[in-house]
Protein backbone atom coordinates (compact mmCIF):
# COMPACT_ATOMS: atom_id res chain seq x y z
CA MET A 1 -126.46 57.72 81.93
CA SER A 2 -125.36 55.49 79.14
CA ALA A 3 -127.82 53.34 77.25
CA ILE A 4 -126.09 50.25 78.62
CA SER A 5 -126.58 51.41 82.22
CA ARG A 6 -130.24 52.13 81.58
CA LEU A 7 -130.66 48.70 79.99
CA VAL A 8 -129.10 46.97 83.00
CA LEU A 9 -131.29 48.96 85.39
CA THR A 10 -134.49 48.12 83.53
CA THR A 11 -133.96 44.46 82.59
CA PRO A 12 -134.63 41.93 85.38
CA ASP A 13 -132.12 39.32 84.14
CA LEU A 14 -129.41 41.96 83.84
CA GLN A 15 -130.31 43.36 87.26
CA ALA A 16 -129.86 39.89 88.76
CA LYS A 17 -126.52 39.39 87.02
CA SER A 18 -125.39 42.83 88.19
CA ALA A 19 -126.35 41.98 91.78
CA ARG A 20 -124.37 38.73 91.64
CA LEU A 21 -121.34 40.55 90.24
CA GLN A 22 -121.65 43.22 92.94
CA LEU A 23 -121.68 40.58 95.68
CA ARG A 24 -118.65 38.86 94.17
CA LEU A 25 -116.81 42.18 93.94
CA GLN A 26 -117.62 43.00 97.56
CA SER A 27 -116.29 39.61 98.65
CA GLN A 28 -113.07 40.08 96.65
CA VAL A 29 -112.51 43.59 98.07
CA ALA A 30 -113.15 42.37 101.62
CA ASN A 31 -110.66 39.52 101.09
CA GLN A 32 -108.06 41.99 99.84
CA LEU A 33 -108.64 44.17 102.91
CA LEU A 34 -108.09 41.14 105.13
CA ALA A 35 -104.89 40.29 103.29
CA ALA A 36 -103.61 43.86 103.56
CA PHE A 37 -104.66 44.34 107.19
CA PRO A 38 -104.21 41.04 109.06
CA ASP A 39 -105.61 42.47 112.32
CA LEU A 40 -108.92 43.34 110.63
CA ASP A 41 -111.70 40.88 111.35
CA PRO A 42 -113.84 39.47 108.51
CA ILE A 43 -117.08 41.07 109.73
CA THR A 44 -115.54 44.55 109.81
CA ALA A 45 -113.98 44.06 106.38
CA ALA A 46 -117.33 42.95 104.97
CA ALA A 47 -119.18 45.86 106.58
CA MET A 48 -116.66 48.41 105.35
CA THR A 49 -116.78 47.03 101.83
CA GLY A 50 -120.56 46.85 101.77
CA ALA A 51 -120.92 50.38 103.09
CA VAL A 52 -118.62 51.95 100.51
CA LEU A 53 -119.61 49.95 97.43
CA GLY A 54 -123.29 49.88 98.37
CA ALA A 55 -123.37 53.65 98.86
CA ILE A 56 -121.77 54.28 95.49
CA GLN A 57 -124.02 51.76 93.76
CA GLN A 58 -127.23 53.18 95.21
CA ALA A 59 -126.19 56.75 94.41
CA SER A 60 -125.54 55.67 90.82
CA VAL A 61 -128.87 53.86 90.52
CA THR A 62 -130.70 56.88 91.91
CA CYS A 63 -128.96 59.18 89.44
CA ALA A 64 -129.97 56.91 86.57
CA GLN A 65 -133.55 56.80 87.76
CA LEU A 66 -133.61 60.59 88.00
CA GLY A 67 -132.11 60.97 84.52
CA ARG A 68 -129.04 62.78 85.81
CA THR A 69 -125.92 63.43 83.72
CA GLN A 70 -122.65 61.53 83.93
CA ASP A 71 -121.06 64.49 85.75
CA GLU A 72 -123.88 64.47 88.28
CA LEU A 73 -123.36 60.74 88.73
CA TRP A 74 -119.69 61.28 89.59
CA GLN A 75 -120.64 64.00 92.08
CA ALA A 76 -123.22 61.70 93.65
CA ALA A 77 -120.71 58.86 93.87
CA GLU A 78 -118.22 61.15 95.58
CA HIS A 79 -120.89 62.30 98.03
CA ALA A 80 -121.89 58.68 98.68
CA LEU A 81 -118.27 57.80 99.42
CA THR A 82 -118.10 60.68 101.90
CA VAL A 83 -121.27 59.52 103.64
CA ALA A 84 -120.02 55.91 103.79
CA THR A 85 -116.61 56.82 105.15
CA ASN A 86 -117.67 59.61 107.54
CA GLY A 87 -120.89 58.03 108.67
CA ILE A 88 -124.45 59.14 108.30
CA LEU A 89 -124.44 61.22 111.46
CA GLY A 90 -121.49 63.25 110.18
CA GLU A 91 -123.76 64.52 107.40
CA PHE A 92 -126.42 66.04 109.65
């Protein structure tokens, strides 16, 4: 992981800012889904967005905490996306 990522993950003020940005991003993505798919309800759009972005974020944080490489982070993010889109039960 980059030094910047490690700094964000280990500094409380930066963690808080990152969380606020993540929530704003999720809201923007959900709004774009609603605009693109008018029949989609807001709860479903929010859940879909949270599942995908949350899975990728948590996989990235875990990689950083484990000291994994950038390549391993990308692999973990791809796996997280698969879990989020296929469902947890599809993995087991």
